[in-house]
Amino acid sequence: MTKIGVIFDKGVFRPTEPVALPEGTKAVVEVDRDAAEMSAEELKTLTEWIDRVQASARLKGIPDDGGTSHDKYLYGEDPS
């Protein structure tokens, strides 16, 4: 897979640097956005989803430490 930077301009994705691909090559563009670029509604939706995932994990007895001790839970090893 080759990563190519693009900018969306007037309805067209344009590469940000020269690209060595044959004309007509099909590609898939994956949009990578950070929270700073999200609208308030998108952030609210994302936050609600994260809350639901965490609540589901608690119901299943999964520790609420963000996975910082995953080796301990998987292998019985103390990470410290």
PDB file of N, CA and C in Angstrom:
ATOM      1  N   MET A   1       0.844  -1.164   0.000  1.00  0.00           N
ATOM      2  CA  MET A   1       0.000   0.000   0.000  1.00  0.00           C
ATOM      3  C   MET A   1       0.892   1.230   0.000  1.00  0.00           C
ATOM      4  N   THR A   2       0.495   2.231  -0.727  1.00  0.00           N
ATOM      5  CA  THR A   2       1.213   3.497  -0.790  1.00  0.00           C
ATOM      6  C   THR A   2       0.335   4.588  -0.216  1.00  0.00           C
ATOM      7  N   LYS A   3       0.885   5.379   0.692  1.00  0.00           N
ATOM      8  CA  LYS A   3       0.136   6.512   1.244  1.00  0.00           C
ATOM      9  C   LYS A   3       0.465   7.759   0.438  1.00  0.00           C
ATOM     10  N   ILE A   4      -0.570   8.468   0.044  1.00  0.00           N
ATOM     11  CA  ILE A   4      -0.417   9.694  -0.735  1.00  0.00           C
ATOM     12  C   ILE A   4      -1.226  10.782  -0.052  1.00  0.00           C
ATOM     13  N   GLY A   5      -0.595  11.877   0.264  1.00  0.00           N
ATOM     14  CA  GLY A   5      -1.318  13.007   0.835  1.00  0.00           C
ATOM     15  C   GLY A   5      -2.186  13.657  -0.229  1.00  0.00           C
ATOM     16  N   VAL A   6      -3.413  13.992   0.137  1.00  0.00           N
ATOM     17  CA  VAL A   6      -4.318  14.653  -0.808  1.00  0.00           C
ATOM     18  C   VAL A   6      -5.014  15.808  -0.110  1.00  0.00           C
ATOM     19  N   ILE A   7      -5.517  16.715  -0.913  1.00  0.00           N
ATOM     20  CA  ILE A   7      -6.350  17.800  -0.410  1.00  0.00           C
ATOM     21  C   ILE A   7      -7.630  17.794  -1.240  1.00  0.00           C
ATOM     22  N   PHE A   8      -8.761  18.007  -0.578  1.00  0.00           N
ATOM     23  CA  PHE A   8     -10.044  18.038  -1.278  1.00  0.00           C
ATOM     24  C   PHE A   8     -10.277  19.475  -1.721  1.00  0.00           C
ATOM     25  N   ASP A   9     -10.325  19.695  -3.024  1.00  0.00           N
ATOM     26  CA  ASP A   9     -10.395  21.040  -3.578  1.00  0.00           C
ATOM     27  C   ASP A   9     -11.422  21.084  -4.697  1.00  0.00           C
ATOM     28  N   LYS A  10     -12.472  21.858  -4.504  1.00  0.00           N
ATOM     29  CA  LYS A  10     -13.512  22.031  -5.529  1.00  0.00           C
ATOM     30  C   LYS A  10     -14.077  20.696  -6.000  1.00  0.00           C
ATOM     31  N   GLY A  11     -14.307  19.792  -5.048  1.00  0.00           N
ATOM     32  CA  GLY A  11     -14.929  18.513  -5.357  1.00  0.00           C
ATOM     33  C   GLY A  11     -13.989  17.437  -5.878  1.00  0.00           C
ATOM     34  N   VAL A  12     -12.680  17.706  -5.868  1.00  0.00           N
ATOM     35  CA  VAL A  12     -11.712  16.743  -6.398  1.00  0.00           C
ATOM     36  C   VAL A  12     -10.590  16.538  -5.386  1.00  0.00           C
ATOM     37  N   PHE A  13     -10.168  15.285  -5.201  1.00  0.00           N
ATOM     38  CA  PHE A  13      -9.012  15.000  -4.358  1.00  0.00           C
ATOM     39  C   PHE A  13      -7.757  15.201  -5.198  1.00  0.00           C
ATOM     40  N   ARG A  14      -6.888  16.090  -4.751  1.00  0.00           N
ATOM     41  CA  ARG A  14      -5.648  16.374  -5.481  1.00  0.00           C
ATOM     42  C   ARG A  14      -4.456  15.987  -4.603  1.00  0.00           C
ATOM     43  N   PRO A  15      -3.464  15.276  -5.199  1.00  0.00           N
ATOM     44  CA  PRO A  15      -2.278  14.914  -4.418  1.00  0.00           C
ATOM     45  C   PRO A  15      -1.497  16.161  -4.001  1.00  0.00           C
ATOM     46  N   THR A  16      -0.880  16.086  -2.824  1.00  0.00           N
ATOM     47  CA  THR A  16      -0.101  17.217  -2.317  1.00  0.00           C
ATOM     48  C   THR A  16       1.343  17.182  -2.818  1.00  0.00           C
ATOM     49  N   GLU A  17       1.726  16.114  -3.524  1.00  0.00           N
ATOM     50  CA  GLU A  17       3.069  15.993  -4.102  1.00  0.00           C
ATOM     51  C   GLU A  17       2.956  15.122  -5.351  1.00  0.00           C
ATOM     52  N   PRO A  18       3.968  15.117  -6.214  1.00  0.00           N
ATOM     53  CA  PRO A  18       3.891  14.305  -7.429  1.00  0.00           C
ATOM     54  C   PRO A  18       3.672  12.814  -7.108  1.00  0.00           C
ATOM     55  N   VAL A  19       2.900  12.156  -7.972  1.00  0.00           N
ATOM     56  CA  VAL A  19       2.545  10.751  -7.779  1.00  0.00           C
ATOM     57  C   VAL A  19       2.967   9.954  -9.013  1.00  0.00           C
ATOM     58  N   ALA A  20       3.631   8.833  -8.795  1.00  0.00           N
ATOM     59  CA  ALA A  20       4.079   7.986  -9.902  1.00  0.00           C
ATOM     60  C   ALA A  20       3.112   6.825 -10.097  1.00  0.00           C
ATOM     61  N   LEU A  21       1.940   7.123 -10.615  1.00  0.00           N
ATOM     62  CA  LEU A  21       0.930   6.098 -10.906  1.00  0.00           C
ATOM     63  C   LEU A  21       0.449   6.281 -12.336  1.00  0.00           C
ATOM     64  N   PRO A  22       0.104   5.187 -13.003  1.00  0.00           N
ATOM     65  CA  PRO A  22      -0.435   5.312 -14.355  1.00  0.00           C
ATOM     66  C   PRO A  22      -1.783   6.033 -14.344  1.00  0.00           C
ATOM     67  N   GLU A  23      -2.060   6.774 -15.398  1.00  0.00           N
ATOM     68  CA  GLU A  23      -3.358   7.437 -15.521  1.00  0.00           C
ATOM     69  C   GLU A  23      -4.474   6.406 -15.409  1.00  0.00           C
ATOM     70  N   GLY A  24      -5.531   6.765 -14.747  1.00  0.00           N
ATOM     71  CA  GLY A  24      -6.687   5.883 -14.603  1.00  0.00           C
ATOM     72  C   GLY A  24      -6.589   4.899 -13.455  1.00  0.00           C
ATOM     73  N   THR A  25      -5.483   4.950 -12.685  1.00  0.00           N
ATOM     74  CA  THR A  25      -5.337   4.057 -11.546  1.00  0.00           C
ATOM     75  C   THR A  25      -6.414   4.377 -10.518  1.00  0.00           C
ATOM     76  N   LYS A  26      -7.132   3.361 -10.073  1.00  0.00           N
ATOM     77  CA  LYS A  26      -8.154   3.557  -9.050  1.00  0.00           C
ATOM     78  C   LYS A  26      -7.505   3.479  -7.680  1.00  0.00           C
ATOM     79  N   ALA A  27      -8.031   4.252  -6.743  1.00  0.00           N
ATOM     80  CA  ALA A  27      -7.490   4.278  -5.387  1.00  0.00           C
ATOM     81  C   ALA A  27      -8.623   4.512  -4.402  1.00  0.00           C
ATOM     82  N   VAL A  28      -8.341   4.235  -3.151  1.00  0.00           N
ATOM     83  CA  VAL A  28      -9.285   4.497  -2.071  1.00  0.00           C
ATOM     84  C   VAL A  28      -8.665   5.566  -1.184  1.00  0.00           C
ATOM     85  N   VAL A  29      -9.440   6.571  -0.840  1.00  0.00           N
ATOM     86  CA  VAL A  29      -8.962   7.636   0.035  1.00  0.00           C
ATOM     87  C   VAL A  29      -9.547   7.407   1.418  1.00  0.00           C
ATOM     88  N   GLU A  30      -8.687   7.315   2.419  1.00  0.00           N
ATOM     89  CA  GLU A  30      -9.118   7.167   3.806  1.00  0.00           C
ATOM     90  C   GLU A  30      -8.880   8.502   4.499  1.00  0.00           C
ATOM     91  N   VAL A  31      -9.941   9.101   4.993  1.00  0.00           N
ATOM     92  CA  VAL A  31      -9.837  10.415   5.615  1.00  0.00           C
ATOM     93  C   VAL A  31      -9.420  10.246   7.069  1.00  0.00           C
ATOM     94  N   ASP A  32      -8.319  10.887   7.431  1.00  0.00           N
ATOM     95  CA  ASP A  32      -7.770  10.826   8.784  1.00  0.00           C
ATOM     96  C   ASP A  32      -7.952  12.192   9.421  1.00  0.00           C
ATOM     97  N   ARG A  33      -8.874  12.267  10.355  1.00  0.00           N
ATOM     98  CA  ARG A  33      -9.163  13.542  11.011  1.00  0.00           C
ATOM     99  C   ARG A  33      -8.912  13.409  12.493  1.00  0.00           C
ATOM    100  N   ASP A  34      -8.467  14.469  13.106  1.00  0.00           N
ATOM    101  CA  ASP A  34      -8.310  14.437  14.555  1.00  0.00           C
ATOM    102  C   ASP A  34      -9.465  15.206  15.195  1.00  0.00           C
ATOM    103  N   ALA A  35      -9.537  15.155  16.507  1.00  0.00           N
ATOM    104  CA  ALA A  35     -10.655  15.764  17.235  1.00  0.00           C
ATOM    105  C   ALA A  35     -10.747  17.262  16.991  1.00  0.00           C
ATOM    106  N   ALA A  36      -9.636  17.908  16.703  1.00  0.00           N
ATOM    107  CA  ALA A  36      -9.662  19.348  16.476  1.00  0.00           C
ATOM    108  C   ALA A  36     -10.469  19.715  15.239  1.00  0.00           C
ATOM    109  N   GLU A  37     -10.610  18.773  14.319  1.00  0.00           N
ATOM    110  CA  GLU A  37     -11.339  19.041  13.083  1.00  0.00           C
ATOM    111  C   GLU A  37     -12.795  18.582  13.143  1.00  0.00           C
ATOM    112  N   MET A  38     -13.207  17.987  14.256  1.00  0.00           N
ATOM    113  CA  MET A  38     -14.564  17.461  14.363  1.00  0.00           C
ATOM    114  C   MET A  38     -15.527  18.542  14.846  1.00  0.00           C
ATOM    115  N   SER A  39     -16.756  18.429  14.380  1.00  0.00           N
ATOM    116  CA  SER A  39     -17.797  19.343  14.843  1.00  0.00           C
ATOM    117  C   SER A  39     -18.220  18.941  16.257  1.00  0.00           C
ATOM    118  N   ALA A  40     -18.905  19.832  16.929  1.00  0.00           N
ATOM    119  CA  ALA A  40     -19.383  19.552  18.287  1.00  0.00           C
ATOM    120  C   ALA A  40     -20.292  18.316  18.301  1.00  0.00           C
ATOM    121  N   GLU A  41     -21.126  18.169  17.284  1.00  0.00           N
ATOM    122  CA  GLU A  41     -22.034  17.018  17.215  1.00  0.00           C
ATOM    123  C   GLU A  41     -21.254  15.718  17.009  1.00  0.00           C
ATOM    124  N   GLU A  42     -20.214  15.743  16.154  1.00  0.00           N
ATOM    125  CA  GLU A  42     -19.394  14.553  15.942  1.00  0.00           C
ATOM    126  C   GLU A  42     -18.664  14.166  17.223  1.00  0.00           C
ATOM    127  N   LEU A  43     -18.134  15.163  17.950  1.00  0.00           N
ATOM    128  CA  LEU A  43     -17.451  14.880  19.212  1.00  0.00           C
ATOM    129  C   LEU A  43     -18.411  14.300  20.239  1.00  0.00           C
ATOM    130  N   LYS A  44     -19.624  14.828  20.282  1.00  0.00           N
ATOM    131  CA  LYS A  44     -20.634  14.322  21.221  1.00  0.00           C
ATOM    132  C   LYS A  44     -20.951  12.862  20.894  1.00  0.00           C
ATOM    133  N   THR A  45     -21.138  12.558  19.625  1.00  0.00           N
ATOM    134  CA  THR A  45     -21.428  11.193  19.196  1.00  0.00           C
ATOM    135  C   THR A  45     -20.273  10.258  19.545  1.00  0.00           C
ATOM    136  N   LEU A  46     -19.046  10.690  19.288  1.00  0.00           N
ATOM    137  CA  LEU A  46     -17.875   9.878  19.602  1.00  0.00           C
ATOM    138  C   LEU A  46     -17.759   9.645  21.103  1.00  0.00           C
ATOM    139  N   THR A  47     -17.960  10.678  21.886  1.00  0.00           N
ATOM    140  CA  THR A  47     -17.888  10.568  23.341  1.00  0.00           C
ATOM    141  C   THR A  47     -18.953   9.615  23.868  1.00  0.00           C
ATOM    142  N   GLU A  48     -20.165   9.703  23.331  1.00  0.00           N
ATOM    143  CA  GLU A  48     -21.239   8.788  23.743  1.00  0.00           C
ATOM    144  C   GLU A  48     -20.887   7.340  23.400  1.00  0.00           C
ATOM    145  N   TRP A  49     -20.281   7.116  22.227  1.00  0.00           N
ATOM    146  CA  TRP A  49     -19.882   5.766  21.829  1.00  0.00           C
ATOM    147  C   TRP A  49     -18.819   5.223  22.778  1.00  0.00           C
ATOM    148  N   ILE A  50     -17.831   6.039  23.104  1.00  0.00           N
ATOM    149  CA  ILE A  50     -16.781   5.613  24.034  1.00  0.00           C
ATOM    150  C   ILE A  50     -17.384   5.276  25.391  1.00  0.00           C
ATOM    151  N   ASP A  51     -18.318   6.091  25.859  1.00  0.00           N
ATOM    152  CA  ASP A  51     -18.984   5.825  27.135  1.00  0.00           C
ATOM    153  C   ASP A  51     -19.711   4.482  27.105  1.00  0.00           C
ATOM    154  N   ARG A  52     -20.388   4.169  25.987  1.00  0.00           N
ATOM    155  CA  ARG A  52     -21.106   2.892  25.872  1.00  0.00           C
ATOM    156  C   ARG A  52     -20.141   1.709  25.882  1.00  0.00           C
ATOM    157  N   VAL A  53     -19.018   1.849  25.195  1.00  0.00           N
ATOM    158  CA  VAL A  53     -18.020   0.772  25.170  1.00  0.00           C
ATOM    159  C   VAL A  53     -17.477   0.536  26.574  1.00  0.00           C
ATOM    160  N   GLN A  54     -17.149   1.619  27.289  1.00  0.00           N
ATOM    161  CA  GLN A  54     -16.621   1.477  28.648  1.00  0.00           C
ATOM    162  C   GLN A  54     -17.663   0.858  29.573  1.00  0.00           C
ATOM    163  N   ALA A  55     -18.918   1.253  29.444  1.00  0.00           N
ATOM    164  CA  ALA A  55     -19.974   0.686  30.286  1.00  0.00           C
ATOM    165  C   ALA A  55     -20.140  -0.799  30.003  1.00  0.00           C
ATOM    166  N   SER A  56     -20.082  -1.185  28.733  1.00  0.00           N
ATOM    167  CA  SER A  56     -20.194  -2.593  28.364  1.00  0.00           C
ATOM    168  C   SER A  56     -19.035  -3.396  28.943  1.00  0.00           C
ATOM    169  N   ALA A  57     -17.843  -2.834  28.902  1.00  0.00           N
ATOM    170  CA  ALA A  57     -16.672  -3.524  29.453  1.00  0.00           C
ATOM    171  C   ALA A  57     -16.832  -3.733  30.956  1.00  0.00           C
ATOM    172  N   ARG A  58     -17.332  -2.724  31.651  1.00  0.00           N
ATOM    173  CA  ARG A  58     -17.536  -2.853  33.109  1.00  0.00           C
ATOM    174  C   ARG A  58     -18.543  -3.954  33.411  1.00  0.00           C
ATOM    175  N   LEU A  59     -19.617  -4.038  32.615  1.00  0.00           N
ATOM    176  CA  LEU A  59     -20.626  -5.076  32.820  1.00  0.00           C
ATOM    177  C   LEU A  59     -20.029  -6.472  32.628  1.00  0.00           C
ATOM    178  N   LYS A  60     -19.033  -6.582  31.770  1.00  0.00           N
ATOM    179  CA  LYS A  60     -18.385  -7.869  31.499  1.00  0.00           C
ATOM    180  C   LYS A  60     -17.221  -8.134  32.441  1.00  0.00           C
ATOM    181  N   GLY A  61     -16.998  -7.235  33.406  1.00  0.00           N
ATOM    182  CA  GLY A  61     -15.934  -7.434  34.376  1.00  0.00           C
ATOM    183  C   GLY A  61     -14.548  -7.081  33.867  1.00  0.00           C
ATOM    184  N   ILE A  62     -14.488  -6.363  32.749  1.00  0.00           N
ATOM    185  CA  ILE A  62     -13.190  -5.955  32.205  1.00  0.00           C
ATOM    186  C   ILE A  62     -12.703  -4.741  32.995  1.00  0.00           C
ATOM    187  N   PRO A  63     -11.467  -4.766  33.496  1.00  0.00           N
ATOM    188  CA  PRO A  63     -10.954  -3.643  34.279  1.00  0.00           C
ATOM    189  C   PRO A  63     -10.984  -2.331  33.488  1.00  0.00           C
ATOM    190  N   ASP A  64     -11.226  -1.250  34.198  1.00  0.00           N
ATOM    191  CA  ASP A  64     -11.363   0.072  33.583  1.00  0.00           C
ATOM    192  C   ASP A  64     -10.050   0.851  33.701  1.00  0.00           C
ATOM    193  N   ASP A  65      -8.956   0.258  33.179  1.00  0.00           N
ATOM    194  CA  ASP A  65      -7.668   0.947  33.266  1.00  0.00           C
ATOM    195  C   ASP A  65      -7.131   1.309  31.887  1.00  0.00           C
ATOM    196  N   GLY A  66      -7.986   1.269  30.877  1.00  0.00           N
ATOM    197  CA  GLY A  66      -7.568   1.625  29.537  1.00  0.00           C
ATOM    198  C   GLY A  66      -6.598   0.651  28.907  1.00  0.00           C
ATOM    199  N   GLY A  67      -6.484  -0.546  29.459  1.00  0.00           N
ATOM    200  CA  GLY A  67      -5.596  -1.550  28.894  1.00  0.00           C
ATOM    201  C   GLY A  67      -4.143  -1.358  29.263  1.00  0.00           C
ATOM    202  N   THR A  68      -3.859  -0.481  30.222  1.00  0.00           N
ATOM    203  CA  THR A  68      -2.463  -0.237  30.580  1.00  0.00           C
ATOM    204  C   THR A  68      -1.805  -1.455  31.196  1.00  0.00           C
ATOM    205  N   SER A  69      -2.615  -2.392  31.698  1.00  0.00           N
ATOM    206  CA  SER A  69      -2.065  -3.612  32.311  1.00  0.00           C
ATOM    207  C   SER A  69      -2.438  -4.847  31.497  1.00  0.00           C
ATOM    208  N   HIS A  70      -2.503  -4.704  30.173  1.00  0.00           N
ATOM    209  CA  HIS A  70      -2.975  -5.827  29.359  1.00  0.00           C
ATOM    210  C   HIS A  70      -2.097  -7.069  29.494  1.00  0.00           C
ATOM    211  N   ASP A  71      -0.791  -6.927  29.683  1.00  0.00           N
ATOM    212  CA  ASP A  71       0.063  -8.111  29.855  1.00  0.00           C
ATOM    213  C   ASP A  71      -0.334  -8.892  31.105  1.00  0.00           C
ATOM    214  N   LYS A  72      -0.653  -8.157  32.163  1.00  0.00           N
ATOM    215  CA  LYS A  72      -1.074  -8.805  33.409  1.00  0.00           C
ATOM    216  C   LYS A  72      -2.342  -9.623  33.179  1.00  0.00           C
ATOM    217  N   TYR A  73      -3.302  -9.045  32.448  1.00  0.00           N
ATOM    218  CA  TYR A  73      -4.569  -9.734  32.235  1.00  0.00           C
ATOM    219  C   TYR A  73      -4.421 -10.902  31.257  1.00  0.00           C
ATOM    220  N   LEU A  74      -3.574 -10.744  30.275  1.00  0.00           N
ATOM    221  CA  LEU A  74      -3.400 -11.802  29.280  1.00  0.00           C
ATOM    222  C   LEU A  74      -2.467 -12.910  29.732  1.00  0.00           C
ATOM    223  N   TYR A  75      -1.371 -12.533  30.398  1.00  0.00           N
ATOM    224  CA  TYR A  75      -0.313 -13.500  30.708  1.00  0.00           C
ATOM    225  C   TYR A  75      -0.046 -13.685  32.187  1.00  0.00           C
ATOM    226  N   GLY A  76      -0.771 -12.937  33.035  1.00  0.00           N
ATOM    227  CA  GLY A  76      -0.553 -13.052  34.475  1.00  0.00           C
ATOM    228  C   GLY A  76       0.722 -12.390  34.950  1.00  0.00           C
ATOM    229  N   GLU A  77       1.278 -11.511  34.108  1.00  0.00           N
ATOM    230  CA  GLU A  77       2.516 -10.834  34.463  1.00  0.00           C
ATOM    231  C   GLU A  77       2.226  -9.452  35.026  1.00  0.00           C
ATOM    232  N   ASP A  78       2.987  -9.051  36.013  1.00  0.00           N
ATOM    233  CA  ASP A  78       2.876  -7.711  36.567  1.00  0.00           C
ATOM    234  C   ASP A  78       3.708  -6.764  35.707  1.00  0.00           C
ATOM    235  N   PRO A  79       3.074  -5.726  35.090  1.00  0.00           N
ATOM    236  CA  PRO A  79       3.804  -4.857  34.174  1.00  0.00           C
ATOM    237  C   PRO A  79       4.851  -3.973  34.846  1.00  0.00           C
ATOM    238  N   SER A  80       4.855  -3.862  36.172  1.00  0.00           N
ATOM    239  CA  SER A  80       5.824  -2.970  36.817  1.00  0.00           C
ATOM    240  C   SER A  80       7.128  -3.646  37.121  1.00  0.00           C
TER     241      SER A  80
END
